[in-house]
C-alpha cells in the first residue's frame, strides 16, 4: 500500500494491481467523478496496462452519471451525486458498459466548496466485482483539491488491490 505518496511507491502499487489483474485473467474499468480521469491515467501509466485495463468514464456532471452509467435518476435527486449508493451504481454501470470483471468508481467532493450538503473531502469508493458483489470504502480526506484527488486515487487502487489479493488467497496491508 502507498504510505507516503511518493511517485515510486505509487508506481509500485499500480504495477502490483495490474500484475494481480493479469495473473488472475481479470479486467478493470473505472467510473470517475472528482478524480476527473486520474485513476484511469494512473492505471494506464505502466507498459502493458492494456492486458487488464478496459477503459473508463469520467462523469463529472451529475446528469452524466445517469446518462452514461445508469445511476438511477431518483437516487441522484434524493441523495445527490455524493453518496455510497451512487458510487455503487457507477461501479456496476461501468462494469456492465465495458464488460469488465471489475468496475471501480469514485464520487466525492474535492472542493473548494461543499456539494449536496457534503463537506469537502467526503469520498465514496465502490468496486463491483464478479457476481456483481459491491465493496465500499467511504473516507474523509484533508487538504486541497489535488491532495484529495490523489488520496482518492490511492484509496481506490488500495481497495482494488485488497480485493484482488483476497481473491488470490493473499493478504493485503
Protein backbone atom coordinates (compact mmCIF):
# COMPACT_ATOMS: atom_id res chain seq x y z
CA UNK A 1 0.00 0.00 0.00
CA UNK A 2 1.19 3.53 -0.72
CA UNK A 3 2.16 5.02 2.61
CA UNK A 4 3.66 8.42 1.91
CA UNK A 5 2.53 9.09 -1.64
CA UNK A 6 5.93 9.14 -3.33
CA UNK A 7 5.96 8.62 -7.07
CA UNK A 8 7.99 5.42 -6.79
CA UNK A 9 5.60 3.88 -4.27
CA UNK A 10 2.58 4.90 -6.35
CA UNK A 11 4.10 3.31 -9.44
CA UNK A 12 4.85 0.12 -7.50
CA UNK A 13 1.28 -0.01 -6.18
CA UNK A 14 -0.12 0.44 -9.67
CA UNK A 15 2.19 -2.20 -11.11
CA UNK A 16 1.10 -4.62 -8.37
CA UNK A 17 -2.60 -4.01 -9.10
CA UNK A 18 -2.03 -4.66 -12.80
CA UNK A 19 0.05 -7.76 -12.04
CA UNK A 20 -2.77 -9.15 -9.88
CA UNK A 21 -5.32 -8.46 -12.60
CA UNK A 22 -3.22 -10.07 -15.33
CA UNK A 23 -2.30 -13.08 -13.15
CA UNK A 24 -5.98 -13.59 -12.39
CA UNK A 25 -7.01 -13.13 -16.02
CA UNK A 26 -9.22 -10.22 -14.96
CA UNK A 27 -10.01 -6.77 -16.32
CA UNK A 28 -10.99 -3.49 -14.73
CA UNK A 29 -12.68 -0.29 -15.85
CA UNK A 30 -13.20 2.94 -13.94
CA UNK A 31 -16.01 5.44 -13.43
CA UNK A 32 -14.65 8.69 -12.09
CA UNK A 33 -16.16 11.89 -10.87
CA UNK A 34 -13.98 14.02 -8.59
CA UNK A 35 -10.74 12.46 -9.88
CA UNK A 36 -11.51 13.50 -13.45
CA UNK A 37 -9.65 10.60 -15.08
CA UNK A 38 -6.73 10.39 -12.65
CA UNK A 39 -7.36 6.73 -11.77
CA UNK A 40 -7.53 5.70 -15.42
CA UNK A 41 -4.36 7.67 -16.16
CA UNK A 42 -2.61 6.03 -13.22
CA UNK A 43 -3.65 2.54 -14.27
CA UNK A 44 -2.51 3.10 -17.85
CA UNK A 45 0.90 4.57 -16.98
CA UNK A 46 2.76 1.22 -16.87
CA UNK A 47 3.59 -0.53 -20.12
CA UNK A 48 1.29 -3.49 -20.73
CA UNK A 49 -1.69 -1.95 -18.95
CA UNK A 50 -3.94 -2.87 -21.88
CA UNK A 51 -3.79 -6.50 -20.76
CA UNK A 52 -6.03 -5.61 -17.82
CA UNK A 53 -7.46 -2.08 -18.25
CA UNK A 54 -10.58 -1.88 -20.45
CA UNK A 55 -11.47 1.80 -20.18
CA UNK A 56 -13.18 4.45 -18.19
CA UNK A 57 -15.91 7.02 -17.99
CA UNK A 58 -15.37 10.45 -16.49
CA UNK A 59 -18.85 11.50 -15.40
CA UNK A 60 -18.10 14.77 -13.68
CA UNK A 61 -21.57 16.25 -14.17
CA UNK A 62 -24.39 14.67 -12.18
CA UNK A 63 -26.63 14.13 -15.23
CA UNK A 64 -23.88 12.13 -16.95
CA UNK A 65 -23.81 9.67 -14.06
CA UNK A 66 -27.37 8.73 -15.04
CA UNK A 67 -26.98 9.03 -18.81
CA UNK A 68 -23.70 7.15 -19.21
CA UNK A 69 -23.54 4.86 -16.18
CA UNK A 70 -27.17 4.12 -15.43
CA UNK A 71 -27.25 5.69 -11.97
CA UNK A 72 -30.95 5.93 -11.11
CA UNK A 73 -32.26 9.46 -11.57
CA UNK A 74 -34.41 9.17 -8.44
CA UNK A 75 -31.33 8.23 -6.38
CA UNK A 76 -29.47 11.29 -7.67
CA UNK A 77 -32.49 13.52 -6.97
CA UNK A 78 -32.93 12.11 -3.46
CA UNK A 79 -29.29 11.83 -2.30
CA UNK A 80 -27.23 13.95 -4.70
CA UNK A 81 -24.14 12.74 -6.52
CA UNK A 82 -22.00 12.26 -3.40
CA UNK A 83 -23.41 9.11 -1.83
CA UNK A 84 -22.27 5.49 -1.37
CA UNK A 85 -25.21 4.15 -3.41
CA UNK A 86 -24.24 6.45 -6.29
CA UNK A 87 -20.68 5.10 -6.20
CA UNK A 88 -22.06 1.53 -6.23
CA UNK A 89 -24.34 2.28 -9.19
CA UNK A 90 -21.43 3.90 -11.05
CA UNK A 91 -19.26 0.83 -10.41
CA UNK A 92 -21.98 -1.52 -11.67
CA UNK A 93 -22.66 0.71 -14.64
CA UNK A 94 -19.04 0.93 -15.85
CA UNK A 95 -18.55 -2.80 -15.31
CA UNK A 96 -21.58 -3.57 -17.48
CA UNK A 97 -20.79 -0.91 -20.08
CA UNK A 98 -17.24 -2.12 -20.64
CA UNK A 99 -17.79 -5.82 -19.93
CA UNK A 100 -15.04 -5.77 -17.31
CA UNK A 101 -14.59 -8.19 -14.45
CA UNK A 102 -14.28 -5.24 -12.06
CA UNK A 103 -15.79 -1.77 -12.10
CA UNK A 104 -14.10 0.78 -9.82
CA UNK A 105 -15.93 4.04 -9.13
CA UNK A 106 -15.35 7.19 -7.12
CA UNK A 107 -17.54 10.15 -6.29
CA UNK A 108 -16.99 12.89 -3.75
CA UNK A 109 -16.14 16.48 -3.01
CA UNK A 110 -12.67 17.78 -3.87
CA UNK A 111 -13.58 21.38 -3.10
CA UNK A 112 -13.25 24.21 -2.71
CA UNK A 113 -16.95 24.22 -1.77
CA UNK A 114 -19.24 21.59 -0.21
CA UNK A 115 -21.59 19.72 -2.58
CA UNK A 116 -25.03 18.25 -1.92
CA UNK A 117 -24.59 19.10 1.76
CA UNK A 118 -21.39 17.01 1.96
CA UNK A 119 -18.20 18.64 3.22
CA UNK A 120 -15.01 18.93 1.20
CA UNK A 121 -13.00 15.73 1.48
CA UNK A 122 -16.00 13.37 1.55
CA UNK A 123 -15.30 10.46 -0.81
CA UNK A 124 -17.21 7.29 -1.68
CA UNK A 125 -15.42 4.46 -3.47
CA UNK A 126 -17.13 1.34 -4.79
CA UNK A 127 -15.88 -1.78 -6.52
CA UNK A 128 -18.26 -4.04 -8.44
CA UNK A 129 -16.78 -7.45 -8.98
CA UNK A 130 -17.67 -10.92 -10.12
CA UNK A 131 -21.25 -11.90 -9.28
CA UNK A 132 -21.81 -8.12 -9.06
CA UNK A 133 -20.68 -8.06 -5.44
CA UNK A 134 -20.10 -4.49 -4.27
CA UNK A 135 -17.38 -3.43 -1.87
CA UNK A 136 -17.33 0.09 -0.42
CA UNK A 137 -14.82 2.38 1.12
CA UNK A 138 -16.06 5.69 2.48
CA UNK A 139 -13.34 8.12 3.50
CA UNK A 140 -12.82 11.72 4.53
CA UNK A 141 -9.62 13.34 3.29
CA UNK A 142 -7.92 16.55 4.35
CA UNK A 143 -6.08 19.00 2.15
CA UNK A 144 -6.63 20.90 -1.05
CA UNK A 145 -8.17 19.66 -4.30
CA UNK A 146 -5.02 17.99 -5.56
CA UNK A 147 -4.38 16.18 -2.28
CA UNK A 148 -7.99 14.97 -2.13
CA UNK A 149 -7.90 13.75 -5.73
CA UNK A 150 -4.53 12.00 -5.23
CA UNK A 151 -5.69 10.46 -1.96
CA UNK A 152 -8.87 9.23 -3.62
CA UNK A 153 -6.84 7.60 -6.38
CA UNK A 154 -4.58 5.86 -3.85
CA UNK A 155 -7.52 4.67 -1.75
CA UNK A 156 -9.39 3.35 -4.79
CA UNK A 157 -6.36 1.40 -6.02
CA UNK A 158 -5.78 0.11 -2.49
CA UNK A 159 -9.37 -1.19 -2.35
CA UNK A 160 -8.93 -2.92 -5.70
CA UNK A 161 -5.61 -4.39 -4.65
CA UNK A 162 -7.02 -5.71 -1.38
CA UNK A 163 -9.91 -7.43 -3.14
CA UNK A 164 -7.64 -8.93 -5.79
CA UNK A 165 -5.22 -10.21 -3.17
CA UNK A 166 -8.06 -11.68 -1.11
CA UNK A 167 -9.40 -13.40 -4.23
CA UNK A 168 -5.97 -14.92 -4.82
CA UNK A 169 -5.65 -16.03 -1.18
CA UNK A 170 -3.09 -13.38 -0.28
CA UNK A 171 -3.18 -10.81 2.47
CA UNK A 172 -3.05 -7.07 1.87
CA UNK A 173 -1.55 -4.43 4.12
